[in-house]
């Protein structure tokens, strides 16, 4: 992992926390994103820039997915296409550590832009499992609740809740901040957290 970000102290890292909500997929279909949320900071404890958008989808949102996040096909009628969001995504994610809670879905959806170069990626699920092994549930909502972070997240993104892409992105950032503060890892580097980092 050759990124210069690998050796920067965690407290000084530019970070873009990201989350996607998806349409779900019927048999034979490919899943597609229907909402993206990003919270970017120029350093871990700095002021936040929040970004959220619905994303047009070329097949109906599955009932099972809508039941989780509340996004319906009708809500996407005026939404931009994923390709139309490229400029915003590039501006927010380029040059940052990209943060997510088990971000495999986020990595998969962003592969729609080959050679985008975003990363390295930091996984708060891997961090939470390592730092809080006694918890029996390491889902983002459960870990944030256990650490008393829900009010902080709701203050940052008022009027939203879990399974909204922006709320979940804010949750990942709040979780990383809490772990870094609690474990006094401000001067640690990504290289020392290799178990939770992917290129």
Protein backbone atom coordinates (compact mmCIF):
# COMPACT_ATOMS: atom_id res chain seq x y z
CA UNK A 1 0.00 0.00 0.00
CA UNK A 2 1.94 2.95 -1.31
CA UNK A 3 -0.42 5.83 -0.58
CA UNK A 4 1.18 8.67 1.44
CA UNK A 5 -1.99 8.59 3.55
CA UNK A 6 -0.82 5.29 5.05
CA UNK A 7 1.77 7.06 7.22
CA UNK A 8 -0.26 10.14 8.20
CA UNK A 9 -1.47 10.29 11.84
CA UNK A 10 -5.15 9.33 12.06
CA UNK A 11 -6.15 12.69 13.56
CA UNK A 12 -4.73 14.51 10.51
CA UNK A 13 -6.24 12.32 7.79
CA UNK A 14 -8.67 13.70 5.23
CA UNK A 15 -11.60 11.26 5.40
CA UNK A 16 -14.71 10.72 3.32
CA UNK A 17 -17.23 8.42 4.99
CA UNK A 18 -19.59 6.92 2.41
CA UNK A 19 -22.69 4.76 2.34
CA UNK A 20 -24.99 3.55 -0.42
CA UNK A 21 -28.53 2.26 -0.17
CA UNK A 22 -29.55 -0.13 -2.93
CA UNK A 23 -32.57 -1.14 -4.98
CA UNK A 24 -32.21 -4.82 -4.20
CA UNK A 25 -32.17 -7.26 -7.08
CA UNK A 26 -34.70 -9.68 -8.46
CA UNK A 27 -33.34 -12.96 -9.89
CA UNK A 28 -31.24 -12.23 -12.96
CA UNK A 29 -30.87 -8.51 -12.14
CA UNK A 30 -27.80 -6.62 -10.95
CA UNK A 31 -28.26 -4.59 -7.78
CA UNK A 32 -28.02 -0.83 -8.22
CA UNK A 33 -27.54 2.13 -5.85
CA UNK A 34 -30.54 4.37 -5.14
CA UNK A 35 -29.00 6.74 -2.60
CA UNK A 36 -25.49 7.88 -1.67
CA UNK A 37 -24.42 9.76 1.44
CA UNK A 38 -20.95 11.18 2.06
CA UNK A 39 -19.51 13.04 5.04
CA UNK A 40 -16.10 14.54 4.28
CA UNK A 41 -13.62 16.09 6.70
CA UNK A 42 -10.19 17.53 5.92
CA UNK A 43 -8.94 16.04 9.18
CA UNK A 44 -10.63 13.54 11.47
CA UNK A 45 -11.97 16.01 14.03
CA UNK A 46 -12.51 18.93 11.64
CA UNK A 47 -15.77 20.42 10.34
CA UNK A 48 -17.95 18.19 8.18
CA UNK A 49 -19.21 18.63 4.63
CA UNK A 50 -22.33 16.53 4.08
CA UNK A 51 -23.60 15.34 0.70
CA UNK A 52 -26.61 13.18 -0.12
CA UNK A 53 -28.44 12.32 -3.33
CA UNK A 54 -30.97 9.86 -4.62
CA UNK A 55 -29.82 7.96 -7.72
CA UNK A 56 -31.98 6.98 -10.69
CA UNK A 57 -32.37 3.24 -11.15
CA UNK A 58 -33.42 1.36 -14.27
CA UNK A 59 -35.44 -1.27 -12.46
CA UNK A 60 -38.00 -0.97 -9.64
CA UNK A 61 -36.84 -0.84 -6.04
CA UNK A 62 -37.53 -4.22 -4.49
CA UNK A 63 -40.11 -4.33 -1.73
CA UNK A 64 -37.63 -5.99 0.62
CA UNK A 65 -35.11 -3.15 0.10
CA UNK A 66 -37.72 -0.41 0.44
CA UNK A 67 -38.85 -1.96 3.71
CA UNK A 68 -35.32 -1.41 5.09
CA UNK A 69 -34.51 2.11 3.85
CA UNK A 70 -37.91 3.54 2.93
CA UNK A 71 -36.88 4.58 -0.61
CA UNK A 72 -39.46 3.76 -3.28
CA UNK A 73 -39.32 3.76 -7.06
CA UNK A 74 -41.54 6.86 -7.19
CA UNK A 75 -39.04 8.81 -5.07
CA UNK A 76 -36.39 8.36 -7.78
CA UNK A 77 -38.36 9.83 -10.68
CA UNK A 78 -36.36 13.09 -10.79
CA UNK A 79 -33.08 11.67 -9.45
CA UNK A 80 -29.81 12.05 -11.37
CA UNK A 81 -28.14 9.00 -12.87
CA UNK A 82 -25.11 7.51 -11.16
CA UNK A 83 -22.92 8.77 -14.02
CA UNK A 84 -24.25 12.31 -13.53
CA UNK A 85 -23.00 12.20 -9.93
CA UNK A 86 -19.42 11.43 -10.98
CA UNK A 87 -18.18 15.02 -10.62
CA UNK A 88 -19.50 15.29 -7.06
CA UNK A 89 -18.15 11.88 -6.08
CA UNK A 90 -14.73 12.64 -7.51
CA UNK A 91 -14.51 15.98 -5.67
CA UNK A 92 -15.54 14.48 -2.34
CA UNK A 93 -13.61 11.20 -2.43
CA UNK A 94 -10.38 12.02 -4.22
CA UNK A 95 -7.34 12.34 -1.97
CA UNK A 96 -9.15 10.97 1.09
CA UNK A 97 -9.21 7.83 3.14
CA UNK A 98 -12.60 6.38 2.21
CA UNK A 99 -14.44 5.13 5.27
CA UNK A 100 -17.29 2.65 5.54
CA UNK A 101 -18.78 0.00 7.78
CA UNK A 102 -18.05 -3.21 5.87
CA UNK A 103 -17.68 -1.15 2.68
CA UNK A 104 -17.75 -4.01 0.17
CA UNK A 105 -21.02 -2.72 -1.32
CA UNK A 106 -19.60 0.79 -1.63
CA UNK A 107 -16.47 -0.56 -3.33
CA UNK A 108 -18.60 -2.64 -5.70
CA UNK A 109 -20.86 0.25 -6.70
CA UNK A 110 -17.92 2.61 -7.26
CA UNK A 111 -16.34 0.03 -9.58
CA UNK A 112 -18.83 1.44 -12.12
CA UNK A 113 -16.12 4.10 -12.58
CA UNK A 114 -13.07 2.02 -13.62
CA UNK A 115 -9.74 3.40 -12.50
CA UNK A 116 -11.29 5.96 -10.13
CA UNK A 117 -8.34 5.63 -7.74
CA UNK A 118 -10.28 6.26 -4.54
CA UNK A 119 -8.78 4.92 -1.34
CA UNK A 120 -7.20 3.57 0.74
CA UNK A 121 -10.35 2.25 2.40
CA UNK A 122 -10.82 1.92 6.16
CA UNK A 123 -13.44 -0.47 7.55
CA UNK A 124 -15.09 0.52 10.83
CA UNK A 125 -16.63 -2.96 11.15
CA UNK A 126 -13.15 -4.52 11.35
CA UNK A 127 -12.08 -1.81 13.82
CA UNK A 128 -15.15 -2.33 16.02
CA UNK A 129 -14.68 -6.11 16.11
CA UNK A 130 -11.06 -5.66 17.19
CA UNK A 131 -11.68 -2.85 19.70
CA UNK A 132 -14.97 -4.14 21.17
CA UNK A 133 -14.78 -7.95 21.09
CA UNK A 134 -17.30 -8.36 23.91
CA UNK A 135 -20.17 -6.91 21.86
CA UNK A 136 -22.36 -9.66 20.40
CA UNK A 137 -23.50 -7.44 17.52
CA UNK A 138 -21.13 -5.24 15.54
CA UNK A 139 -23.70 -3.73 13.18
CA UNK A 140 -23.21 0.02 12.82
CA UNK A 141 -26.37 0.98 14.69
CA UNK A 142 -25.70 -1.39 17.57
CA UNK A 143 -22.06 -0.31 18.04
CA UNK A 144 -22.93 3.39 17.86
CA UNK A 145 -25.75 2.90 20.35
CA UNK A 146 -23.46 0.97 22.70
CA UNK A 147 -20.95 3.84 22.60
CA UNK A 148 -23.62 6.51 23.12
CA UNK A 149 -23.10 8.13 19.71
CA UNK A 150 -26.68 8.35 18.45
CA UNK A 151 -27.28 11.92 19.64
CA UNK A 152 -24.02 13.09 18.06
CA UNK A 153 -24.96 11.51 14.73
CA UNK A 154 -28.51 12.90 14.82
CA UNK A 155 -27.14 16.38 15.55
CA UNK A 156 -24.85 16.19 12.52
CA UNK A 157 -27.60 14.97 10.16
CA UNK A 158 -30.94 15.98 11.74
CA UNK A 159 -34.19 14.46 10.56
CA UNK A 160 -32.61 11.22 9.39
CA UNK A 161 -32.17 7.74 10.86
CA UNK A 162 -30.42 4.42 10.29
CA UNK A 163 -30.51 3.07 6.72
CA UNK A 164 -30.49 6.56 5.30
CA UNK A 165 -27.20 6.74 3.38
CA UNK A 166 -26.12 10.07 4.90
CA UNK A 167 -27.01 8.98 8.45
CA UNK A 168 -25.06 5.74 8.05
CA UNK A 169 -22.05 7.60 6.60
CA UNK A 170 -22.16 9.99 9.56
CA UNK A 171 -22.38 6.98 11.86
CA UNK A 172 -19.18 5.51 10.43
CA UNK A 173 -17.36 8.81 10.97
CA UNK A 174 -18.69 9.19 14.52
CA UNK A 175 -17.61 5.61 15.29
CA UNK A 176 -14.09 6.18 13.99
CA UNK A 177 -13.79 9.38 16.00
CA UNK A 178 -14.97 7.63 19.16
CA UNK A 179 -12.55 4.72 18.73
CA UNK A 180 -9.58 6.99 17.99
CA UNK A 181 -10.36 9.18 21.02
CA UNK A 182 -11.17 6.30 23.32
CA UNK A 183 -8.07 4.30 22.44
CA UNK A 184 -5.86 7.40 22.18
CA UNK A 185 -4.88 6.53 18.62
CA UNK A 186 -4.62 10.09 17.32
CA UNK A 187 -0.97 9.57 16.34
CA UNK A 188 -1.42 6.01 15.05
CA UNK A 189 -1.34 5.44 11.29
CA UNK A 190 -3.28 3.35 8.79
CA UNK A 191 -0.23 1.17 8.37
CA UNK A 192 -0.68 0.08 11.97
CA UNK A 193 -4.32 -0.80 11.23
CA UNK A 194 -3.60 -2.92 8.18
CA UNK A 195 -6.21 -5.51 9.28
CA UNK A 196 -8.94 -2.91 8.60
CA UNK A 197 -7.45 -1.29 5.46
CA UNK A 198 -7.79 -2.19 1.79
CA UNK A 199 -6.21 -0.34 -1.17
